[in-house]
Amino acid sequence: MMIHAFMLMVVIGTGPHRQVQPDPMYFRDINDCIYYARKIPQKFGNFQSPVDPKDRVVAYCKPVKIQDGVHIYDH
């Protein structure tokens, strides 16, 4: 059975350094997902600061359908 969830996508780097982190986190509630999506890039997400492009972080939530039984964070 498939269920709806929100997947936290974390992308590190820009341009040729861009890498999507391979181990996604799934949340039942979008507000929980958004909380982490905002917190994770606070230090390195500012593209105006002198952070090396390979170290910049972007995080966002993506609605997905996953197999029932996959670990879902549910607060």
N, C-alpha and C. Protein backbone atom coordinates (compact mmCIF):
# COMPACT_ATOMS: atom_id res chain seq x y z
N MET A 1 0.85 -1.18 0.00
CA MET A 1 0.00 0.00 0.00
C MET A 1 0.89 1.25 0.00
N MET A 2 0.52 2.22 -0.80
CA MET A 2 1.26 3.49 -0.89
C MET A 2 0.59 4.52 0.01
N ILE A 3 1.42 5.36 0.66
CA ILE A 3 0.90 6.42 1.50
C ILE A 3 1.57 7.74 1.11
N HIS A 4 0.91 8.84 1.44
CA HIS A 4 1.45 10.17 1.16
C HIS A 4 2.35 10.60 2.32
N ALA A 5 3.43 11.28 1.97
CA ALA A 5 4.36 11.81 2.97
C ALA A 5 5.08 13.01 2.35
N PHE A 6 5.93 13.63 3.15
CA PHE A 6 6.75 14.75 2.67
C PHE A 6 8.21 14.37 2.85
N MET A 7 8.96 14.42 1.77
CA MET A 7 10.37 14.04 1.80
C MET A 7 11.23 15.29 1.92
N LEU A 8 12.13 15.29 2.89
CA LEU A 8 13.06 16.39 3.07
C LEU A 8 14.21 16.20 2.10
N MET A 9 14.33 17.11 1.16
CA MET A 9 15.40 17.08 0.17
C MET A 9 16.50 18.03 0.64
N VAL A 10 17.72 17.54 0.73
CA VAL A 10 18.86 18.36 1.12
C VAL A 10 19.87 18.32 -0.02
N VAL A 11 20.19 19.50 -0.53
CA VAL A 11 21.13 19.62 -1.64
C VAL A 11 22.34 20.38 -1.13
N ILE A 12 23.51 19.79 -1.33
CA ILE A 12 24.75 20.44 -0.90
C ILE A 12 25.54 20.82 -2.14
N GLY A 13 25.99 22.06 -2.19
CA GLY A 13 26.79 22.54 -3.29
C GLY A 13 25.95 23.18 -4.38
N THR A 14 26.63 23.86 -5.30
CA THR A 14 25.97 24.48 -6.45
C THR A 14 26.74 24.10 -7.71
N GLY A 15 26.09 24.27 -8.85
CA GLY A 15 26.76 23.99 -10.12
C GLY A 15 27.31 22.57 -10.18
N PRO A 16 28.58 22.43 -10.58
CA PRO A 16 29.16 21.09 -10.71
C PRO A 16 29.36 20.39 -9.36
N HIS A 17 29.26 21.13 -8.27
CA HIS A 17 29.43 20.56 -6.92
C HIS A 17 28.11 20.07 -6.33
N ARG A 18 27.00 20.31 -7.01
CA ARG A 18 25.66 20.00 -6.49
C ARG A 18 25.47 18.50 -6.27
N GLN A 19 25.05 18.13 -5.05
CA GLN A 19 24.76 16.74 -4.72
C GLN A 19 23.52 16.67 -3.85
N VAL A 20 22.55 15.86 -4.27
CA VAL A 20 21.37 15.61 -3.45
C VAL A 20 21.75 14.52 -2.47
N GLN A 21 21.49 14.75 -1.20
CA GLN A 21 21.84 13.76 -0.19
C GLN A 21 21.02 12.49 -0.41
N PRO A 22 21.67 11.33 -0.36
CA PRO A 22 21.03 10.08 -0.76
C PRO A 22 20.07 9.45 0.25
N ASP A 23 20.09 9.87 1.50
CA ASP A 23 19.25 9.24 2.52
C ASP A 23 18.15 10.19 2.96
N PRO A 24 17.01 10.17 2.25
CA PRO A 24 15.96 11.13 2.57
C PRO A 24 15.27 10.84 3.91
N MET A 25 14.71 11.88 4.48
CA MET A 25 13.88 11.75 5.68
C MET A 25 12.45 12.00 5.24
N TYR A 26 11.52 11.21 5.76
CA TYR A 26 10.11 11.34 5.41
C TYR A 26 9.33 11.80 6.64
N PHE A 27 8.39 12.71 6.41
CA PHE A 27 7.56 13.25 7.48
C PHE A 27 6.09 13.10 7.11
N ARG A 28 5.27 12.82 8.09
CA ARG A 28 3.83 12.73 7.86
C ARG A 28 3.22 14.14 7.76
N ASP A 29 3.74 15.08 8.54
CA ASP A 29 3.20 16.44 8.61
C ASP A 29 4.15 17.41 7.89
N ILE A 30 3.63 18.19 6.97
CA ILE A 30 4.47 19.13 6.23
C ILE A 30 5.11 20.16 7.14
N ASN A 31 4.44 20.54 8.23
CA ASN A 31 5.01 21.53 9.14
C ASN A 31 6.28 21.02 9.81
N ASP A 32 6.33 19.73 10.13
CA ASP A 32 7.56 19.15 10.70
C ASP A 32 8.67 19.16 9.65
N CYS A 33 8.33 18.81 8.43
CA CYS A 33 9.32 18.81 7.35
C CYS A 33 9.86 20.22 7.11
N ILE A 34 8.97 21.19 7.06
CA ILE A 34 9.38 22.58 6.83
C ILE A 34 10.28 23.07 7.96
N TYR A 35 10.01 22.67 9.18
CA TYR A 35 10.85 23.07 10.31
C TYR A 35 12.31 22.69 10.04
N TYR A 36 12.53 21.44 9.65
CA TYR A 36 13.90 20.98 9.39
C TYR A 36 14.45 21.59 8.11
N ALA A 37 13.62 21.80 7.12
CA ALA A 37 14.07 22.42 5.87
C ALA A 37 14.56 23.84 6.12
N ARG A 38 14.01 24.51 7.09
CA ARG A 38 14.46 25.87 7.43
C ARG A 38 15.71 25.85 8.30
N LYS A 39 15.79 24.89 9.21
CA LYS A 39 16.91 24.84 10.16
C LYS A 39 18.21 24.38 9.52
N ILE A 40 18.15 23.38 8.68
CA ILE A 40 19.37 22.78 8.12
C ILE A 40 20.24 23.79 7.37
N PRO A 41 19.70 24.60 6.49
CA PRO A 41 20.58 25.50 5.74
C PRO A 41 20.88 26.85 6.42
N GLN A 42 20.47 27.05 7.64
CA GLN A 42 20.67 28.37 8.27
C GLN A 42 22.13 28.81 8.25
N LYS A 43 23.05 27.92 8.49
CA LYS A 43 24.46 28.30 8.55
C LYS A 43 25.07 28.47 7.17
N PHE A 44 24.76 27.57 6.24
CA PHE A 44 25.43 27.58 4.95
C PHE A 44 24.52 27.90 3.77
N GLY A 45 23.27 28.24 4.03
CA GLY A 45 22.35 28.49 2.94
C GLY A 45 22.38 29.89 2.38
N ASN A 46 23.05 30.80 3.05
CA ASN A 46 23.07 32.20 2.62
C ASN A 46 24.03 32.36 1.45
N PHE A 47 23.48 32.61 0.28
CA PHE A 47 24.30 32.71 -0.92
C PHE A 47 25.00 34.07 -1.05
N GLN A 48 24.75 34.98 -0.13
CA GLN A 48 25.43 36.27 -0.13
C GLN A 48 26.70 36.24 0.71
N SER A 49 26.84 35.21 1.54
CA SER A 49 28.01 35.14 2.43
C SER A 49 29.18 34.48 1.70
N PRO A 50 30.36 34.56 2.28
CA PRO A 50 31.55 34.00 1.63
C PRO A 50 31.71 32.49 1.82
N VAL A 51 30.61 31.74 1.73
CA VAL A 51 30.67 30.29 1.87
C VAL A 51 31.06 29.70 0.51
N ASP A 52 32.00 28.78 0.53
CA ASP A 52 32.43 28.11 -0.69
C ASP A 52 31.23 27.46 -1.37
N PRO A 53 31.06 27.60 -2.69
CA PRO A 53 29.91 27.01 -3.39
C PRO A 53 29.72 25.52 -3.13
N LYS A 54 30.77 24.77 -2.91
CA LYS A 54 30.61 23.34 -2.68
C LYS A 54 30.04 23.04 -1.30
N ASP A 55 30.01 24.04 -0.41
CA ASP A 55 29.51 23.86 0.95
C ASP A 55 28.13 24.46 1.18
N ARG A 56 27.57 25.11 0.19
CA ARG A 56 26.24 25.72 0.36
C ARG A 56 25.16 24.66 0.44
N VAL A 57 24.14 24.95 1.23
CA VAL A 57 23.08 23.97 1.48
C VAL A 57 21.71 24.57 1.18
N VAL A 58 20.88 23.80 0.51
CA VAL A 58 19.49 24.16 0.26
C VAL A 58 18.66 22.96 0.71
N ALA A 59 17.55 23.22 1.39
CA ALA A 59 16.66 22.13 1.81
C ALA A 59 15.23 22.54 1.52
N TYR A 60 14.43 21.56 1.10
CA TYR A 60 13.02 21.81 0.83
C TYR A 60 12.24 20.51 0.99
N CYS A 61 10.93 20.63 1.04
CA CYS A 61 10.06 19.47 1.22
C CYS A 61 9.34 19.15 -0.08
N LYS A 62 9.28 17.88 -0.38
CA LYS A 62 8.67 17.42 -1.61
C LYS A 62 7.58 16.39 -1.29
N PRO A 63 6.34 16.61 -1.74
CA PRO A 63 5.30 15.61 -1.49
C PRO A 63 5.59 14.36 -2.32
N VAL A 64 5.48 13.21 -1.68
CA VAL A 64 5.76 11.94 -2.35
C VAL A 64 4.77 10.87 -1.90
N LYS A 65 4.74 9.78 -2.63
CA LYS A 65 4.02 8.58 -2.22
C LYS A 65 5.08 7.52 -1.95
N ILE A 66 5.02 6.88 -0.79
CA ILE A 66 6.00 5.86 -0.43
C ILE A 66 5.29 4.59 0.03
N GLN A 67 6.02 3.52 0.06
CA GLN A 67 5.48 2.25 0.53
C GLN A 67 5.19 2.33 2.03
N ASP A 68 4.07 1.81 2.43
CA ASP A 68 3.76 1.71 3.85
C ASP A 68 4.83 0.83 4.49
N GLY A 69 5.35 1.24 5.62
CA GLY A 69 6.40 0.50 6.29
C GLY A 69 7.74 1.24 6.29
N VAL A 70 7.90 2.24 5.39
CA VAL A 70 9.10 3.07 5.40
C VAL A 70 9.02 3.95 6.64
N HIS A 71 10.16 4.19 7.30
CA HIS A 71 10.16 5.00 8.52
C HIS A 71 9.72 6.43 8.19
N ILE A 72 8.69 6.90 8.90
CA ILE A 72 8.18 8.26 8.74
C ILE A 72 8.26 8.94 10.10
N TYR A 73 8.87 10.12 10.13
CA TYR A 73 8.92 10.90 11.36
C TYR A 73 7.54 11.49 11.58
N ASP A 74 6.99 11.25 12.76
CA ASP A 74 5.63 11.67 13.07
C ASP A 74 5.63 12.20 14.49
N HIS A 75 5.61 13.53 14.64
CA HIS A 75 5.69 14.13 15.99
C HIS A 75 4.32 14.35 16.54
